[in-house]
Protein backbone atom coordinates (compact mmCIF):
# COMPACT_ATOMS: atom_id res chain seq x y z
CA UNK A 1 106.17 86.36 104.56
CA UNK A 2 108.19 84.54 107.19
CA UNK A 3 107.29 80.95 107.94
CA UNK A 4 107.58 81.28 111.70
CA UNK A 5 104.83 83.79 112.47
CA UNK A 6 102.52 82.60 115.24
CA UNK A 7 98.98 83.80 115.91
CA UNK A 8 96.64 83.16 118.83
CA UNK A 9 92.91 83.53 118.24
CA UNK A 10 90.54 83.38 121.20
CA UNK A 11 86.99 82.17 120.74
CA UNK A 12 88.23 80.23 117.71
CA UNK A 13 85.83 77.30 117.85
CA UNK A 14 82.93 79.03 116.15
CA UNK A 15 81.82 82.19 114.37
CA UNK A 16 84.19 85.08 113.79
CA UNK A 17 87.08 83.48 115.68
CA UNK A 18 86.88 80.28 113.67
CA UNK A 19 86.78 82.18 110.37
CA UNK A 20 89.73 84.39 111.33
CA UNK A 21 91.84 81.52 112.69
CA UNK A 22 91.22 79.50 109.54
CA UNK A 23 92.11 82.44 107.29
CA UNK A 24 95.35 83.11 109.18
CA UNK A 25 96.28 79.44 109.00
CA UNK A 26 95.74 79.42 105.24
CA UNK A 27 97.85 82.58 104.95
CA UNK A 28 100.81 80.78 106.48
CA UNK A 29 100.49 81.69 110.15
CA UNK A 30 101.05 78.99 112.72
CA UNK A 31 97.69 79.44 114.45
CA UNK A 32 96.52 78.58 117.94
CA UNK A 33 92.78 77.96 118.09
CA UNK A 34 91.78 78.89 121.64
CA UNK A 35 88.39 78.37 123.27
CA UNK A 36 86.64 76.64 126.14
CA UNK A 37 85.68 73.41 124.38
CA UNK A 38 88.51 71.27 123.05
CA UNK A 39 86.23 69.11 120.91
CA UNK A 40 84.85 72.18 119.11
CA UNK A 41 88.36 73.53 118.55
CA UNK A 42 89.53 70.19 117.17
CA UNK A 43 86.60 70.19 114.77
CA UNK A 44 87.45 73.73 113.61
CA UNK A 45 91.06 72.72 112.97
CA UNK A 46 89.94 69.63 111.06
CA UNK A 47 87.53 71.68 108.97
CA UNK A 48 90.34 74.06 108.01
CA UNK A 49 91.97 71.18 106.16
CA UNK A 50 95.65 70.54 105.42
CA UNK A 51 97.91 73.61 105.41
CA UNK A 52 101.64 74.26 105.36
CA UNK A 53 101.37 76.19 108.61
CA UNK A 54 100.65 74.39 111.85
CA UNK A 55 97.41 74.54 113.83
CA UNK A 56 97.15 73.92 117.55
CA UNK A 57 93.90 73.62 119.54
CA UNK A 58 94.19 74.71 123.18
CA UNK A 59 91.28 74.73 125.61
CA UNK A 60 91.31 77.81 127.84
CA UNK A 61 88.84 79.87 129.86
CA UNK A 62 90.28 83.32 129.22
CA UNK A 63 88.52 84.78 132.26
CA UNK A 64 90.87 82.75 134.49
CA UNK A 65 94.41 84.12 134.84
CA UNK A 66 96.00 80.75 135.52
CA UNK A 67 94.53 79.21 132.38
CA UNK A 68 95.72 82.16 130.28
CA UNK A 69 99.24 81.76 131.67
CA UNK A 70 99.10 78.05 130.81
CA UNK A 71 97.92 78.90 127.29
CA UNK A 72 100.88 81.16 126.61
CA UNK A 73 103.32 78.66 128.11
CA UNK A 74 101.93 76.01 125.76
CA UNK A 75 102.31 78.35 122.79
CA UNK A 76 105.89 79.22 123.78
CA UNK A 77 106.79 75.55 123.97
CA UNK A 78 105.13 74.76 120.63
CA UNK A 79 106.23 77.74 118.54
CA UNK A 80 108.76 79.78 120.52
CA UNK A 81 107.10 83.17 120.06
CA UNK A 82 103.83 85.10 119.64
CA UNK A 83 103.46 87.49 116.72
CA UNK A 84 99.73 88.11 116.80
CA UNK A 85 96.91 87.96 119.32
CA UNK A 86 93.35 88.33 118.05
CA UNK A 87 91.39 89.10 121.22
CA UNK A 88 88.09 87.83 119.91
CA UNK A 89 86.27 85.77 122.55
CA UNK A 90 83.16 87.43 123.87
CA UNK A 91 79.61 86.93 125.01
CA UNK A 92 76.38 88.89 125.20
CA UNK A 93 72.91 88.60 126.69
CA UNK A 94 69.34 88.98 125.50
CA UNK A 95 67.97 92.52 125.26
CA UNK A 96 67.07 93.39 128.86
CA UNK A 97 66.51 96.59 130.89
CA UNK A 98 69.36 97.20 133.32
CA UNK A 99 67.25 96.62 136.43
CA UNK A 100 66.36 93.13 135.21
CA UNK A 101 69.93 92.06 134.40
CA UNK A 102 71.24 89.62 137.03
CA UNK A 103 74.49 90.70 138.63
CA UNK A 104 75.89 87.26 137.77
CA UNK A 105 75.29 87.97 134.07
CA UNK A 106 77.14 91.29 134.38
CA UNK A 107 80.07 89.56 136.07
CA UNK A 108 80.20 86.80 133.45
CA UNK A 109 80.18 89.22 130.52
CA UNK A 110 82.79 91.52 132.10
CA UNK A 111 84.85 88.43 132.96
CA UNK A 112 85.03 87.25 129.36
CA UNK A 113 84.78 90.42 127.28
CA UNK A 114 86.95 92.72 129.39
CA UNK A 115 88.96 90.79 131.96
CA UNK A 116 89.63 88.01 129.46
CA UNK A 117 90.85 90.50 126.87
CA UNK A 118 93.05 92.16 129.50
CA UNK A 119 94.55 88.85 130.63
CA UNK A 120 95.32 87.72 127.08
CA UNK A 121 96.71 91.13 126.09
CA UNK A 122 98.80 91.17 129.25
CA UNK A 123 100.31 87.77 128.48
CA UNK A 124 100.85 88.59 124.81
CA UNK A 125 102.44 91.96 125.60
CA UNK A 126 104.85 90.27 128.02
CA UNK A 127 105.81 87.63 125.47
CA UNK A 128 106.24 90.15 122.65
CA UNK A 129 108.31 92.46 124.82
CA UNK A 130 110.75 89.72 125.83
CA UNK A 131 111.11 87.71 122.63
CA UNK A 132 113.78 88.29 120.00
CA UNK A 133 113.16 89.81 117.58
CA UNK A 134 110.98 91.91 119.85
CA UNK A 135 107.46 92.99 119.00
CA UNK A 136 104.15 91.80 117.67
CA UNK A 137 100.55 92.86 117.11
CA UNK A 138 97.39 92.73 119.21
CA UNK A 139 94.02 93.10 117.48
CA UNK A 140 91.01 93.55 119.73
CA UNK A 141 87.51 92.65 118.60
CA UNK A 142 85.41 95.66 119.51
CA UNK A 143 81.95 96.03 117.97
CA UNK A 144 79.88 98.76 116.46
CA UNK A 145 78.50 98.71 120.02
CA UNK A 146 81.75 100.44 120.96
CA UNK A 147 80.18 103.50 119.30
CA UNK A 148 76.41 103.00 119.40
CA UNK A 149 74.48 100.64 121.68
CA UNK A 150 71.56 98.39 120.94
CA UNK A 151 68.55 98.65 123.27
CA UNK A 152 68.91 96.64 126.47
CA UNK A 153 72.60 95.84 126.06
CA UNK A 154 74.26 97.47 129.09
CA UNK A 155 76.82 94.71 129.93
CA UNK A 156 77.90 94.06 126.35
CA UNK A 157 78.05 97.72 125.33
CA UNK A 158 79.91 98.79 128.46
CA UNK A 159 82.59 96.16 127.88
CA UNK A 160 82.98 97.06 124.23
CA UNK A 161 83.47 100.72 125.13
CA UNK A 162 86.11 99.56 127.58
CA UNK A 163 87.86 97.58 124.85
CA UNK A 164 88.37 100.85 122.99
CA UNK A 165 90.24 102.20 126.02
CA UNK A 166 92.31 99.03 126.16
CA UNK A 167 93.16 99.36 122.48
CA UNK A 168 94.27 102.99 122.72
CA UNK A 169 96.40 102.40 125.80
CA UNK A 170 98.07 99.30 124.36
CA UNK A 171 98.79 101.19 121.14
CA UNK A 172 100.53 103.85 123.23
CA UNK A 173 102.32 101.56 125.69
CA UNK A 174 103.49 99.21 122.97
CA UNK A 175 105.49 101.82 121.05
CA UNK A 176 108.85 101.28 122.79
CA UNK A 177 108.61 97.53 122.20
CA UNK A 178 107.40 97.41 118.57
CA UNK A 179 104.01 96.17 119.72
CA UNK A 180 101.18 97.49 117.55
CA UNK A 181 97.58 97.37 118.71
CA UNK A 182 94.42 97.91 116.69
CA UNK A 183 90.71 97.25 116.93
CA UNK A 184 88.19 95.84 114.49
CA UNK A 185 84.60 96.88 115.07
CA UNK A 186 82.21 94.46 113.44
CA UNK A 187 78.60 94.99 112.50
CA UNK A 188 76.20 92.16 111.63
CA UNK A 189 78.57 89.44 110.47
CA UNK A 190 76.40 86.37 109.87
CA UNK A 191 77.29 83.79 112.51
CA UNK A 192 75.10 81.55 114.66
CA UNK A 193 75.10 84.30 117.30
CA UNK A 194 73.90 86.85 114.74
CA UNK A 195 71.22 84.64 113.15
CA UNK A 196 68.36 86.41 115.00
CA UNK A 197 69.19 89.60 113.07
CA UNK A 198 67.86 87.99 109.90
CA UNK A 199 64.49 87.44 111.60
CA UNK A 200 64.05 90.49 113.81
CA UNK A 201 65.79 92.26 116.70
CA UNK A 202 64.80 95.25 118.89
CA UNK A 203 65.34 98.68 117.37
CA UNK A 204 65.83 102.06 119.02
CA UNK A 205 62.27 103.14 118.10
CA UNK A 206 60.79 100.16 119.94
CA UNK A 207 60.05 98.08 116.86
CA UNK A 208 61.33 94.62 115.97
CA UNK A 209 62.97 94.48 112.54
CA UNK A 210 65.23 92.23 110.51
CA UNK A 211 68.63 93.70 109.65
CA UNK A 212 71.07 93.34 106.79
CA UNK A 213 73.99 90.98 107.43
CA UNK A 214 77.29 90.18 105.71
CA UNK A 215 79.41 87.07 105.16
CA UNK A 216 81.73 86.46 108.13
CA UNK A 217 84.56 85.87 105.63
CA UNK A 218 84.68 89.65 105.11
CA UNK A 219 85.76 89.96 108.74
CA UNK A 220 88.42 87.30 108.33
CA UNK A 221 89.79 89.09 105.26
CA UNK A 222 89.94 92.37 107.19
CA UNK A 223 91.80 90.87 110.16
CA UNK A 224 94.28 89.17 107.83
CA UNK A 225 94.93 92.56 106.21
CA UNK A 226 95.50 94.24 109.59
CA UNK A 227 97.80 91.40 110.66
CA UNK A 228 99.82 91.49 107.44
CA UNK A 229 101.10 95.04 107.91
CA UNK A 230 104.70 95.60 108.98
CA UNK A 231 104.99 96.68 112.62
CA UNK A 232 105.79 100.26 111.65
CA UNK A 233 102.20 100.58 110.35
CA UNK A 234 98.96 100.03 112.21
CA UNK A 235 95.23 100.05 111.56
CA UNK A 236 94.17 101.61 114.85
CA UNK A 237 90.41 101.25 114.21
CA UNK A 238 88.54 99.55 111.40
CA UNK A 239 84.78 99.19 111.08
CA UNK A 240 83.57 96.31 108.93
CA UNK A 241 79.80 96.18 108.68
CA UNK A 242 76.88 95.09 106.61
CA UNK A 243 76.40 98.06 104.29
CA UNK A 244 72.67 98.44 104.91
CA UNK A 245 72.53 97.71 108.65
CA UNK A 246 70.95 100.41 110.87
CA UNK A 247 74.05 102.03 112.29
CA UNK A 248 74.94 105.23 110.44
CA UNK A 249 72.57 108.12 111.00
CA UNK A 250 69.30 107.55 112.82
CA UNK A 251 68.42 103.98 111.91
C-alpha cells in the first residue's frame, strides 16, 4: 500500500458516504470528505478520529460545475493527485405517482444523482488522465433500483439506471488511461435515510411492510475491497444487500 493514495468521497457527511470515507481513511487513503455542509463534514472527520492518513473536508454542491472544478483544484493543491473517486452523493423523494411529482423535484434529483456524478467523474477522469503515474479508479454508487424499481420512484430509479450507463462507458473509455470504473449497487443499508424501511415502506403489491436491513459498515468494507484492487483488475458491478430484503424473485 502506497502512502500517497488520495480518495474523494461525495456525500461524505452522513450515511454511506461517511462510512466509506472513514473506512478509506483508516485504510491509509488520504481522504477528501465532500458534501454541501462544511460543519457536518468537519464532524464526520472528527468522529473518524486520529489516523496516519490525512482527511480534508471540502464543501461542494456537486450539481454545480464551478464548485466541482474548485473541489478538484483544492484536492490537487492539497495532495497532488486523485486515485479514487467514490461518486456517492444522491437524493430521493417520497413514493409518488409520476403525475404528482413536481418538475422541480425531478430537476433536483437529476441534478445531484446524474449531473453531479457526471461532473465529478469528468473532473476525476481529467485528473487521472493527466497525472503521473497515470490512472485511477471511479466507483459509482448505483442502487438495486438500477435493476428493479420501488413503487413511485420515477426520478430516483431513472437516474440510477443512467448511472449504470455512465459506469459502463467510463469503464470502456478509461482503458487507454488506466482508469478503472465500477459500480456498487446497495440494498437496504441502515442509514438515517433508510430508517423508514424498518417500520414500513410501499411494496409492489400495494401493501406497506417493514424490510430487512444491514449494517452500513458492510458497504464500506465492499467499497474498500473494490478500491484496493490493482488497476489491471476491476469489479465492474457488485450488489451488496440485506440478505432477506424483497429484491430477488417476486418479493
